[in-house]
Amino acid sequence: SLEPEYKQRFKQIAVNMFGHKTLLK
């Protein structure tokens, strides 16, 4: 089951996929 914290999940997409936060380390 997936925890229904969709706001946080979309934030992860924004930060790590579109923002490249981890890649930019």
mmCIF file of all heavy atoms, coordinates in Angstrom:
data_MODEL
# 
_entry.id   MODEL 
# 
loop_
_atom_site.group_PDB 
_atom_site.id 
_atom_site.type_symbol 
_atom_site.label_atom_id 
_atom_site.label_alt_id 
_atom_site.label_comp_id 
_atom_site.label_asym_id 
_atom_site.label_entity_id 
_atom_site.label_seq_id 
_atom_site.pdbx_PDB_ins_code 
_atom_site.Cartn_x 
_atom_site.Cartn_y 
_atom_site.Cartn_z 
_atom_site.occupancy 
_atom_site.B_iso_or_equiv 
_atom_site.pdbx_formal_charge 
_atom_site.auth_seq_id 
_atom_site.auth_comp_id 
_atom_site.auth_asym_id 
_atom_site.auth_atom_id 
_atom_site.pdbx_PDB_model_num 
ATOM 1   N N   . SER A 1 1  ? 0.843  -1.194 0.000   1.00 0.00 ? 1  SER A N   1 
ATOM 2   C CA  . SER A 1 1  ? 0.000  0.000  0.000   1.00 0.00 ? 1  SER A CA  1 
ATOM 3   C C   . SER A 1 1  ? 0.879  1.244  0.000   1.00 0.00 ? 1  SER A C   1 
ATOM 4   O O   . SER A 1 1  ? 1.984  1.252  0.549   1.00 0.00 ? 1  SER A O   1 
ATOM 5   C CB  . SER A 1 1  ? -0.917 0.001  1.226   1.00 0.00 ? 1  SER A CB  1 
ATOM 6   O OG  . SER A 1 1  ? -0.158 -0.040 2.417   1.00 0.00 ? 1  SER A OG  1 
ATOM 7   N N   . LEU A 1 2  ? 0.382  2.285  -0.620  1.00 0.00 ? 2  LEU A N   1 
ATOM 8   C CA  . LEU A 1 2  ? 1.114  3.542  -0.755  1.00 0.00 ? 2  LEU A CA  1 
ATOM 9   C C   . LEU A 1 2  ? 0.506  4.567  0.194   1.00 0.00 ? 2  LEU A C   1 
ATOM 10  O O   . LEU A 1 2  ? -0.705 4.783  0.199   1.00 0.00 ? 2  LEU A O   1 
ATOM 11  C CB  . LEU A 1 2  ? 1.012  4.038  -2.198  1.00 0.00 ? 2  LEU A CB  1 
ATOM 12  C CG  . LEU A 1 2  ? 1.995  5.106  -2.661  1.00 0.00 ? 2  LEU A CG  1 
ATOM 13  C CD1 . LEU A 1 2  ? 3.396  4.535  -2.736  1.00 0.00 ? 2  LEU A CD1 1 
ATOM 14  C CD2 . LEU A 1 2  ? 1.574  5.638  -4.030  1.00 0.00 ? 2  LEU A CD2 1 
ATOM 15  N N   . GLU A 1 3  ? 1.366  5.175  1.022   1.00 0.00 ? 3  GLU A N   1 
ATOM 16  C CA  . GLU A 1 3  ? 0.847  6.210  1.910   1.00 0.00 ? 3  GLU A CA  1 
ATOM 17  C C   . GLU A 1 3  ? 0.302  7.368  1.066   1.00 0.00 ? 3  GLU A C   1 
ATOM 18  O O   . GLU A 1 3  ? 0.984  7.869  0.187   1.00 0.00 ? 3  GLU A O   1 
ATOM 19  C CB  . GLU A 1 3  ? 1.952  6.754  2.835   1.00 0.00 ? 3  GLU A CB  1 
ATOM 20  C CG  . GLU A 1 3  ? 2.713  5.681  3.590   1.00 0.00 ? 3  GLU A CG  1 
ATOM 21  C CD  . GLU A 1 3  ? 4.068  5.416  2.963   1.00 0.00 ? 3  GLU A CD  1 
ATOM 22  O OE1 . GLU A 1 3  ? 4.108  5.199  1.720   1.00 0.00 ? 3  GLU A OE1 1 
ATOM 23  O OE2 . GLU A 1 3  ? 5.059  5.438  3.681   1.00 0.00 ? 3  GLU A OE2 1 
ATOM 24  N N   . PRO A 1 4  ? -0.949 7.755  1.309   1.00 0.00 ? 4  PRO A N   1 
ATOM 25  C CA  . PRO A 1 4  ? -1.593 8.761  0.436   1.00 0.00 ? 4  PRO A CA  1 
ATOM 26  C C   . PRO A 1 4  ? -1.169 10.192 0.738   1.00 0.00 ? 4  PRO A C   1 
ATOM 27  O O   . PRO A 1 4  ? -2.000 11.078 0.898   1.00 0.00 ? 4  PRO A O   1 
ATOM 28  C CB  . PRO A 1 4  ? -3.080 8.532  0.725   1.00 0.00 ? 4  PRO A CB  1 
ATOM 29  C CG  . PRO A 1 4  ? -3.113 8.091  2.149   1.00 0.00 ? 4  PRO A CG  1 
ATOM 30  C CD  . PRO A 1 4  ? -1.863 7.274  2.361   1.00 0.00 ? 4  PRO A CD  1 
ATOM 31  N N   . GLU A 1 5  ? 0.128  10.411 0.811   1.00 0.00 ? 5  GLU A N   1 
ATOM 32  C CA  . GLU A 1 5  ? 0.647  11.761 1.047   1.00 0.00 ? 5  GLU A CA  1 
ATOM 33  C C   . GLU A 1 5  ? 1.014  12.374 -0.300  1.00 0.00 ? 5  GLU A C   1 
ATOM 34  O O   . GLU A 1 5  ? 2.181  12.607 -0.614  1.00 0.00 ? 5  GLU A O   1 
ATOM 35  C CB  . GLU A 1 5  ? 1.866  11.702 1.969   1.00 0.00 ? 5  GLU A CB  1 
ATOM 36  C CG  . GLU A 1 5  ? 1.607  11.092 3.332   1.00 0.00 ? 5  GLU A CG  1 
ATOM 37  C CD  . GLU A 1 5  ? 0.749  12.000 4.212   1.00 0.00 ? 5  GLU A CD  1 
ATOM 38  O OE1 . GLU A 1 5  ? 0.709  13.211 3.939   1.00 0.00 ? 5  GLU A OE1 1 
ATOM 39  O OE2 . GLU A 1 5  ? 0.125  11.482 5.150   1.00 0.00 ? 5  GLU A OE2 1 
ATOM 40  N N   . TYR A 1 6  ? -0.025 12.654 -1.101  1.00 0.00 ? 6  TYR A N   1 
ATOM 41  C CA  . TYR A 1 6  ? 0.219  13.026 -2.486  1.00 0.00 ? 6  TYR A CA  1 
ATOM 42  C C   . TYR A 1 6  ? 0.892  14.392 -2.626  1.00 0.00 ? 6  TYR A C   1 
ATOM 43  O O   . TYR A 1 6  ? 1.677  14.606 -3.548  1.00 0.00 ? 6  TYR A O   1 
ATOM 44  C CB  . TYR A 1 6  ? -1.091 12.984 -3.277  1.00 0.00 ? 6  TYR A CB  1 
ATOM 45  C CG  . TYR A 1 6  ? -1.667 11.595 -3.353  1.00 0.00 ? 6  TYR A CG  1 
ATOM 46  C CD1 . TYR A 1 6  ? -2.882 11.285 -2.764  1.00 0.00 ? 6  TYR A CD1 1 
ATOM 47  C CD2 . TYR A 1 6  ? -0.957 10.582 -3.996  1.00 0.00 ? 6  TYR A CD2 1 
ATOM 48  C CE1 . TYR A 1 6  ? -3.395 9.993  -2.816  1.00 0.00 ? 6  TYR A CE1 1 
ATOM 49  C CE2 . TYR A 1 6  ? -1.454 9.287  -4.052  1.00 0.00 ? 6  TYR A CE2 1 
ATOM 50  C CZ  . TYR A 1 6  ? -2.673 8.996  -3.463  1.00 0.00 ? 6  TYR A CZ  1 
ATOM 51  O OH  . TYR A 1 6  ? -3.157 7.717  -3.506  1.00 0.00 ? 6  TYR A OH  1 
ATOM 52  N N   . LYS A 1 7  ? 0.619  15.300 -1.708  1.00 0.00 ? 7  LYS A N   1 
ATOM 53  C CA  . LYS A 1 7  ? 1.262  16.610 -1.769  1.00 0.00 ? 7  LYS A CA  1 
ATOM 54  C C   . LYS A 1 7  ? 2.772  16.462 -1.633  1.00 0.00 ? 7  LYS A C   1 
ATOM 55  O O   . LYS A 1 7  ? 3.547  17.066 -2.384  1.00 0.00 ? 7  LYS A O   1 
ATOM 56  C CB  . LYS A 1 7  ? 0.708  17.502 -0.656  1.00 0.00 ? 7  LYS A CB  1 
ATOM 57  C CG  . LYS A 1 7  ? 1.275  18.914 -0.679  1.00 0.00 ? 7  LYS A CG  1 
ATOM 58  C CD  . LYS A 1 7  ? 0.656  19.776 0.414   1.00 0.00 ? 7  LYS A CD  1 
ATOM 59  C CE  . LYS A 1 7  ? 1.232  21.188 0.396   1.00 0.00 ? 7  LYS A CE  1 
ATOM 60  N NZ  . LYS A 1 7  ? 0.647  22.031 1.461   1.00 0.00 ? 7  LYS A NZ  1 
ATOM 61  N N   . GLN A 1 8  ? 3.190  15.628 -0.683  1.00 0.00 ? 8  GLN A N   1 
ATOM 62  C CA  . GLN A 1 8  ? 4.618  15.407 -0.478  1.00 0.00 ? 8  GLN A CA  1 
ATOM 63  C C   . GLN A 1 8  ? 5.232  14.664 -1.655  1.00 0.00 ? 8  GLN A C   1 
ATOM 64  O O   . GLN A 1 8  ? 6.366  14.928 -2.053  1.00 0.00 ? 8  GLN A O   1 
ATOM 65  C CB  . GLN A 1 8  ? 4.842  14.628 0.814   1.00 0.00 ? 8  GLN A CB  1 
ATOM 66  C CG  . GLN A 1 8  ? 6.311  14.512 1.212   1.00 0.00 ? 8  GLN A CG  1 
ATOM 67  C CD  . GLN A 1 8  ? 6.497  13.857 2.567   1.00 0.00 ? 8  GLN A CD  1 
ATOM 68  O OE1 . GLN A 1 8  ? 5.540  13.687 3.328   1.00 0.00 ? 8  GLN A OE1 1 
ATOM 69  N NE2 . GLN A 1 8  ? 7.722  13.462 2.867   1.00 0.00 ? 8  GLN A NE2 1 
ATOM 70  N N   . ARG A 1 9  ? 4.460  13.747 -2.229  1.00 0.00 ? 9  ARG A N   1 
ATOM 71  C CA  . ARG A 1 9  ? 4.984  12.969 -3.357  1.00 0.00 ? 9  ARG A CA  1 
ATOM 72  C C   . ARG A 1 9  ? 5.181  13.854 -4.591  1.00 0.00 ? 9  ARG A C   1 
ATOM 73  O O   . ARG A 1 9  ? 6.184  13.741 -5.302  1.00 0.00 ? 9  ARG A O   1 
ATOM 74  C CB  . ARG A 1 9  ? 4.045  11.805 -3.669  1.00 0.00 ? 9  ARG A CB  1 
ATOM 75  C CG  . ARG A 1 9  ? 3.993  10.789 -2.542  1.00 0.00 ? 9  ARG A CG  1 
ATOM 76  C CD  . ARG A 1 9  ? 3.204  9.542  -2.911  1.00 0.00 ? 9  ARG A CD  1 
ATOM 77  N NE  . ARG A 1 9  ? 3.170  8.625  -1.774  1.00 0.00 ? 9  ARG A NE  1 
ATOM 78  C CZ  . ARG A 1 9  ? 4.182  7.853  -1.397  1.00 0.00 ? 9  ARG A CZ  1 
ATOM 79  N NH1 . ARG A 1 9  ? 5.307  7.884  -2.092  1.00 0.00 ? 9  ARG A NH1 1 
ATOM 80  N NH2 . ARG A 1 9  ? 4.070  7.056  -0.356  1.00 0.00 ? 9  ARG A NH2 1 
ATOM 81  N N   . PHE A 1 10 ? 4.231  14.734 -4.859  1.00 0.00 ? 10 PHE A N   1 
ATOM 82  C CA  . PHE A 1 10 ? 4.389  15.641 -5.998  1.00 0.00 ? 10 PHE A CA  1 
ATOM 83  C C   . PHE A 1 10 ? 5.523  16.638 -5.744  1.00 0.00 ? 10 PHE A C   1 
ATOM 84  O O   . PHE A 1 10 ? 6.204  17.069 -6.677  1.00 0.00 ? 10 PHE A O   1 
ATOM 85  C CB  . PHE A 1 10 ? 3.075  16.376 -6.283  1.00 0.00 ? 10 PHE A CB  1 
ATOM 86  C CG  . PHE A 1 10 ? 2.068  15.524 -7.021  1.00 0.00 ? 10 PHE A CG  1 
ATOM 87  C CD1 . PHE A 1 10 ? 0.867  15.169 -6.423  1.00 0.00 ? 10 PHE A CD1 1 
ATOM 88  C CD2 . PHE A 1 10 ? 2.331  15.057 -8.299  1.00 0.00 ? 10 PHE A CD2 1 
ATOM 89  C CE1 . PHE A 1 10 ? -0.058 14.381 -7.097  1.00 0.00 ? 10 PHE A CE1 1 
ATOM 90  C CE2 . PHE A 1 10 ? 1.417  14.258 -8.982  1.00 0.00 ? 10 PHE A CE2 1 
ATOM 91  C CZ  . PHE A 1 10 ? 0.214  13.920 -8.379  1.00 0.00 ? 10 PHE A CZ  1 
ATOM 92  N N   . LYS A 1 11 ? 5.731  16.975 -4.478  1.00 0.00 ? 11 LYS A N   1 
ATOM 93  C CA  . LYS A 1 11 ? 6.851  17.852 -4.137  1.00 0.00 ? 11 LYS A CA  1 
ATOM 94  C C   . LYS A 1 11 ? 8.171  17.154 -4.453  1.00 0.00 ? 11 LYS A C   1 
ATOM 95  O O   . LYS A 1 11 ? 9.117  17.779 -4.951  1.00 0.00 ? 11 LYS A O   1 
ATOM 96  C CB  . LYS A 1 11 ? 6.785  18.228 -2.662  1.00 0.00 ? 11 LYS A CB  1 
ATOM 97  C CG  . LYS A 1 11 ? 7.893  19.184 -2.233  1.00 0.00 ? 11 LYS A CG  1 
ATOM 98  C CD  . LYS A 1 11 ? 7.810  19.532 -0.759  1.00 0.00 ? 11 LYS A CD  1 
ATOM 99  C CE  . LYS A 1 11 ? 8.936  20.446 -0.336  1.00 0.00 ? 11 LYS A CE  1 
ATOM 100 N NZ  . LYS A 1 11 ? 8.882  20.765 1.115   1.00 0.00 ? 11 LYS A NZ  1 
ATOM 101 N N   . GLN A 1 12 ? 8.239  15.843 -4.160  1.00 0.00 ? 12 GLN A N   1 
ATOM 102 C CA  . GLN A 1 12 ? 9.448  15.079 -4.479  1.00 0.00 ? 12 GLN A CA  1 
ATOM 103 C C   . GLN A 1 12 ? 9.716  15.082 -5.974  1.00 0.00 ? 12 GLN A C   1 
ATOM 104 O O   . GLN A 1 12 ? 10.863 15.198 -6.413  1.00 0.00 ? 12 GLN A O   1 
ATOM 105 C CB  . GLN A 1 12 ? 9.298  13.634 -3.983  1.00 0.00 ? 12 GLN A CB  1 
ATOM 106 C CG  . GLN A 1 12 ? 9.377  13.496 -2.483  1.00 0.00 ? 12 GLN A CG  1 
ATOM 107 C CD  . GLN A 1 12 ? 9.273  12.052 -2.020  1.00 0.00 ? 12 GLN A CD  1 
ATOM 108 O OE1 . GLN A 1 12 ? 9.640  11.727 -0.905  1.00 0.00 ? 12 GLN A OE1 1 
ATOM 109 N NE2 . GLN A 1 12 ? 8.764  11.168 -2.857  1.00 0.00 ? 12 GLN A NE2 1 
ATOM 110 N N   . ILE A 1 13 ? 8.653  14.953 -6.755  1.00 0.00 ? 13 ILE A N   1 
ATOM 111 C CA  . ILE A 1 13 ? 8.802  14.992 -8.211  1.00 0.00 ? 13 ILE A CA  1 
ATOM 112 C C   . ILE A 1 13 ? 9.355  16.353 -8.636  1.00 0.00 ? 13 ILE A C   1 
ATOM 113 O O   . ILE A 1 13 ? 10.286 16.446 -9.445  1.00 0.00 ? 13 ILE A O   1 
ATOM 114 C CB  . ILE A 1 13 ? 7.445  14.734 -8.903  1.00 0.00 ? 13 ILE A CB  1 
ATOM 115 C CG1 . ILE A 1 13 ? 7.011  13.268 -8.726  1.00 0.00 ? 13 ILE A CG1 1 
ATOM 116 C CG2 . ILE A 1 13 ? 7.510  15.104 -10.379 1.00 0.00 ? 13 ILE A CG2 1 
ATOM 117 C CD1 . ILE A 1 13 ? 7.763  12.282 -9.575  1.00 0.00 ? 13 ILE A CD1 1 
ATOM 118 N N   . ALA A 1 14 ? 8.773  17.411 -8.072  1.00 0.00 ? 14 ALA A N   1 
ATOM 119 C CA  . ALA A 1 14 ? 9.198  18.768 -8.434  1.00 0.00 ? 14 ALA A CA  1 
ATOM 120 C C   . ALA A 1 14 ? 10.656 19.012 -8.060  1.00 0.00 ? 14 ALA A C   1 
ATOM 121 O O   . ALA A 1 14 ? 11.430 19.562 -8.850  1.00 0.00 ? 14 ALA A O   1 
ATOM 122 C CB  . ALA A 1 14 ? 8.295  19.788 -7.745  1.00 0.00 ? 14 ALA A CB  1 
ATOM 123 N N   . VAL A 1 15 ? 11.040 18.591 -6.859  1.00 0.00 ? 15 VAL A N   1 
ATOM 124 C CA  . VAL A 1 15 ? 12.380 18.873 -6.349  1.00 0.00 ? 15 VAL A CA  1 
ATOM 125 C C   . VAL A 1 15 ? 13.437 18.000 -7.004  1.00 0.00 ? 15 VAL A C   1 
ATOM 126 O O   . VAL A 1 15 ? 14.485 18.491 -7.441  1.00 0.00 ? 15 VAL A O   1 
ATOM 127 C CB  . VAL A 1 15 ? 12.417 18.697 -4.816  1.00 0.00 ? 15 VAL A CB  1 
ATOM 128 C CG1 . VAL A 1 15 ? 13.847 18.742 -4.300  1.00 0.00 ? 15 VAL A CG1 1 
ATOM 129 C CG2 . VAL A 1 15 ? 11.581 19.770 -4.132  1.00 0.00 ? 15 VAL A CG2 1 
ATOM 130 N N   . ASN A 1 16 ? 13.178 16.693 -7.075  1.00 0.00 ? 16 ASN A N   1 
ATOM 131 C CA  . ASN A 1 16 ? 14.220 15.757 -7.529  1.00 0.00 ? 16 ASN A CA  1 
ATOM 132 C C   . ASN A 1 16 ? 14.214 15.492 -9.025  1.00 0.00 ? 16 ASN A C   1 
ATOM 133 O O   . ASN A 1 16 ? 15.261 15.193 -9.601  1.00 0.00 ? 16 ASN A O   1 
ATOM 134 C CB  . ASN A 1 16 ? 14.101 14.435 -6.772  1.00 0.00 ? 16 ASN A CB  1 
ATOM 135 C CG  . ASN A 1 16 ? 14.563 14.558 -5.338  1.00 0.00 ? 16 ASN A CG  1 
ATOM 136 O OD1 . ASN A 1 16 ? 15.629 15.085 -5.072  1.00 0.00 ? 16 ASN A OD1 1 
ATOM 137 N ND2 . ASN A 1 16 ? 13.754 14.105 -4.402  1.00 0.00 ? 16 ASN A ND2 1 
ATOM 138 N N   . MET A 1 17 ? 13.025 15.571 -9.674  1.00 0.00 ? 17 MET A N   1 
ATOM 139 C CA  . MET A 1 17 ? 13.008 15.331 -11.109 1.00 0.00 ? 17 MET A CA  1 
ATOM 140 C C   . MET A 1 17 ? 13.157 16.643 -11.877 1.00 0.00 ? 17 MET A C   1 
ATOM 141 O O   . MET A 1 17 ? 14.088 16.816 -12.651 1.00 0.00 ? 17 MET A O   1 
ATOM 142 C CB  . MET A 1 17 ? 11.721 14.615 -11.525 1.00 0.00 ? 17 MET A CB  1 
ATOM 143 C CG  . MET A 1 17 ? 11.784 14.092 -12.957 1.00 0.00 ? 17 MET A CG  1 
ATOM 144 S SD  . MET A 1 17 ? 10.348 13.116 -13.409 1.00 0.00 ? 17 MET A SD  1 
ATOM 145 C CE  . MET A 1 17 ? 9.175  14.388 -13.803 1.00 0.00 ? 17 MET A CE  1 
ATOM 146 N N   . PHE A 1 18 ? 12.261 17.590 -11.628 1.00 0.00 ? 18 PHE A N   1 
ATOM 147 C CA  . PHE A 1 18 ? 12.324 18.854 -12.362 1.00 0.00 ? 18 PHE A CA  1 
ATOM 148 C C   . PHE A 1 18 ? 13.405 19.786 -11.809 1.00 0.00 ? 18 PHE A C   1 
ATOM 149 O O   . PHE A 1 18 ? 13.976 20.586 -12.545 1.00 0.00 ? 18 PHE A O   1 
ATOM 150 C CB  . PHE A 1 18 ? 10.959 19.544 -12.333 1.00 0.00 ? 18 PHE A CB  1 
ATOM 151 C CG  . PHE A 1 18 ? 9.907  18.806 -13.117 1.00 0.00 ? 18 PHE A CG  1 
ATOM 152 C CD1 . PHE A 1 18 ? 8.907  18.100 -12.472 1.00 0.00 ? 18 PHE A CD1 1 
ATOM 153 C CD2 . PHE A 1 18 ? 9.935  18.790 -14.496 1.00 0.00 ? 18 PHE A CD2 1 
ATOM 154 C CE1 . PHE A 1 18 ? 7.942  17.403 -13.186 1.00 0.00 ? 18 PHE A CE1 1 
ATOM 155 C CE2 . PHE A 1 18 ? 8.984  18.094 -15.231 1.00 0.00 ? 18 PHE A CE2 1 
ATOM 156 C CZ  . PHE A 1 18 ? 7.987  17.400 -14.573 1.00 0.00 ? 18 PHE A CZ  1 
ATOM 157 N N   . GLY A 1 19 ? 13.677 19.680 -10.499 1.00 0.00 ? 19 GLY A N   1 
ATOM 158 C CA  . GLY A 1 19 ? 14.701 20.533 -9.900  1.00 0.00 ? 19 GLY A CA  1 
ATOM 159 C C   . GLY A 1 19 ? 16.089 19.920 -9.862  1.00 0.00 ? 19 GLY A C   1 
ATOM 160 O O   . GLY A 1 19 ? 17.069 20.604 -9.588  1.00 0.00 ? 19 GLY A O   1 
ATOM 161 N N   . HIS A 1 20 ? 16.176 18.610 -10.115 1.00 0.00 ? 20 HIS A N   1 
ATOM 162 C CA  . HIS A 1 20 ? 17.477 17.917 -10.154 1.00 0.00 ? 20 HIS A CA  1 
ATOM 163 C C   . HIS A 1 20 ? 18.284 18.101 -8.870  1.00 0.00 ? 20 HIS A C   1 
ATOM 164 O O   . HIS A 1 20 ? 19.519 18.191 -8.904  1.00 0.00 ? 20 HIS A O   1 
ATOM 165 C CB  . HIS A 1 20 ? 18.309 18.409 -11.343 1.00 0.00 ? 20 HIS A CB  1 
ATOM 166 C CG  . HIS A 1 20 ? 17.971 17.741 -12.638 1.00 0.00 ? 20 HIS A CG  1 
ATOM 167 N ND1 . HIS A 1 20 ? 16.687 17.527 -13.052 1.00 0.00 ? 20 HIS A ND1 1 
ATOM 168 C CD2 . HIS A 1 20 ? 18.760 17.220 -13.627 1.00 0.00 ? 20 HIS A CD2 1 
ATOM 169 C CE1 . HIS A 1 20 ? 16.694 16.932 -14.242 1.00 0.00 ? 20 HIS A CE1 1 
ATOM 170 N NE2 . HIS A 1 20 ? 17.935 16.714 -14.604 1.00 0.00 ? 20 HIS A NE2 1 
ATOM 171 N N   . LYS A 1 21 ? 17.606 18.158 -7.712  1.00 0.00 ? 21 LYS A N   1 
ATOM 172 C CA  . LYS A 1 21 ? 18.294 18.445 -6.457  1.00 0.00 ? 21 LYS A CA  1 
ATOM 173 C C   . LYS A 1 21 ? 19.432 17.470 -6.188  1.00 0.00 ? 21 LYS A C   1 
ATOM 174 O O   . LYS A 1 21 ? 20.557 17.877 -5.870  1.00 0.00 ? 21 LYS A O   1 
ATOM 175 C CB  . LYS A 1 21 ? 17.287 18.410 -5.296  1.00 0.00 ? 21 LYS A CB  1 
ATOM 176 C CG  . LYS A 1 21 ? 17.918 18.678 -3.939  1.00 0.00 ? 21 LYS A CG  1 
ATOM 177 C CD  . LYS A 1 21 ? 16.899 18.586 -2.817  1.00 0.00 ? 21 LYS A CD  1 
ATOM 178 C CE  . LYS A 1 21 ? 17.564 18.795 -1.467  1.00 0.00 ? 21 LYS A CE  1 
ATOM 179 N NZ  . LYS A 1 21 ? 16.593 18.679 -0.349  1.00 0.00 ? 21 LYS A NZ  1 
ATOM 180 N N   . THR A 1 22 ? 19.152 16.169 -6.305  1.00 0.00 ? 22 THR A N   1 
ATOM 181 C CA  . THR A 1 22 ? 20.186 15.178 -6.010  1.00 0.00 ? 22 THR A CA  1 
ATOM 182 C C   . THR A 1 22 ? 21.272 15.174 -7.075  1.00 0.00 ? 22 THR A C   1 
ATOM 183 O O   . THR A 1 22 ? 22.463 15.100 -6.761  1.00 0.00 ? 22 THR A O   1 
ATOM 184 C CB  . THR A 1 22 ? 19.560 13.778 -5.891  1.00 0.00 ? 22 THR A CB  1 
ATOM 185 O OG1 . THR A 1 22 ? 18.513 13.814 -4.912  1.00 0.00 ? 22 THR A OG1 1 
ATOM 186 C CG2 . THR A 1 22 ? 20.595 12.756 -5.467  1.00 0.00 ? 22 THR A CG2 1 
ATOM 187 N N   . LEU A 1 23 ? 20.878 15.268 -8.337  1.00 0.00 ? 23 LEU A N   1 
ATOM 188 C CA  . LEU A 1 23 ? 21.867 15.273 -9.415  1.00 0.00 ? 23 LEU A CA  1 
ATOM 189 C C   . LEU A 1 23 ? 22.826 16.448 -9.295  1.00 0.00 ? 23 LEU A C   1 
ATOM 190 O O   . LEU A 1 23 ? 24.019 16.326 -9.588  1.00 0.00 ? 23 LEU A O   1 
ATOM 191 C CB  . LEU A 1 23 ? 21.152 15.337 -10.769 1.00 0.00 ? 23 LEU A CB  1 
ATOM 192 C CG  . LEU A 1 23 ? 20.813 14.003 -11.422 1.00 0.00 ? 23 LEU A CG  1 
ATOM 193 C CD1 . LEU A 1 23 ? 19.841 14.206 -12.574 1.00 0.00 ? 23 LEU A CD1 1 
ATOM 194 C CD2 . LEU A 1 23 ? 22.060 13.284 -11.905 1.00 0.00 ? 23 LEU A CD2 1 
ATOM 195 N N   . LEU A 1 24 ? 22.326 17.580 -8.836  1.00 0.00 ? 24 LEU A N   1 
ATOM 196 C CA  . LEU A 1 24 ? 23.160 18.783 -8.759  1.00 0.00 ? 24 LEU A CA  1 
ATOM 197 C C   . LEU A 1 24 ? 24.131 18.766 -7.596  1.00 0.00 ? 24 LEU A C   1 
ATOM 198 O O   . LEU A 1 24 ? 24.899 19.715 -7.417  1.00 0.00 ? 24 LEU A O   1 
ATOM 199 C CB  . LEU A 1 24 ? 22.277 20.027 -8.701  1.00 0.00 ? 24 LEU A CB  1 
ATOM 200 C CG  . LEU A 1 24 ? 21.622 20.398 -10.044 1.00 0.00 ? 24 LEU A CG  1 
ATOM 201 C CD1 . LEU A 1 24 ? 20.557 21.456 -9.858  1.00 0.00 ? 24 LEU A CD1 1 
ATOM 202 C CD2 . LEU A 1 24 ? 22.673 20.855 -11.050 1.00 0.00 ? 24 LEU A CD2 1 
ATOM 203 N N   . LYS A 1 25 ? 24.120 17.688 -6.791  1.00 0.00 ? 25 LYS A N   1 
ATOM 204 C CA  . LYS A 1 25 ? 25.177 17.540 -5.788  1.00 0.00 ? 25 LYS A CA  1 
ATOM 205 C C   . LYS A 1 25 ? 26.532 17.383 -6.479  1.00 0.00 ? 25 LYS A C   1 
ATOM 206 O O   . LYS A 1 25 ? 27.564 17.742 -5.930  1.00 0.00 ? 25 LYS A O   1 
ATOM 207 C CB  . LYS A 1 25 ? 24.885 16.340 -4.890  1.00 0.00 ? 25 LYS A CB  1 
ATOM 208 C CG  . LYS A 1 25 ? 23.724 16.581 -3.928  1.00 0.00 ? 25 LYS A CG  1 
ATOM 209 C CD  . LYS A 1 25 ? 23.484 15.392 -3.031  1.00 0.00 ? 25 LYS A CD  1 
ATOM 210 C CE  . LYS A 1 25 ? 22.354 15.689 -2.058  1.00 0.00 ? 25 LYS A CE  1 
ATOM 211 N NZ  . LYS A 1 25 ? 22.079 14.559 -1.144  1.00 0.00 ? 25 LYS A NZ  1 
# 
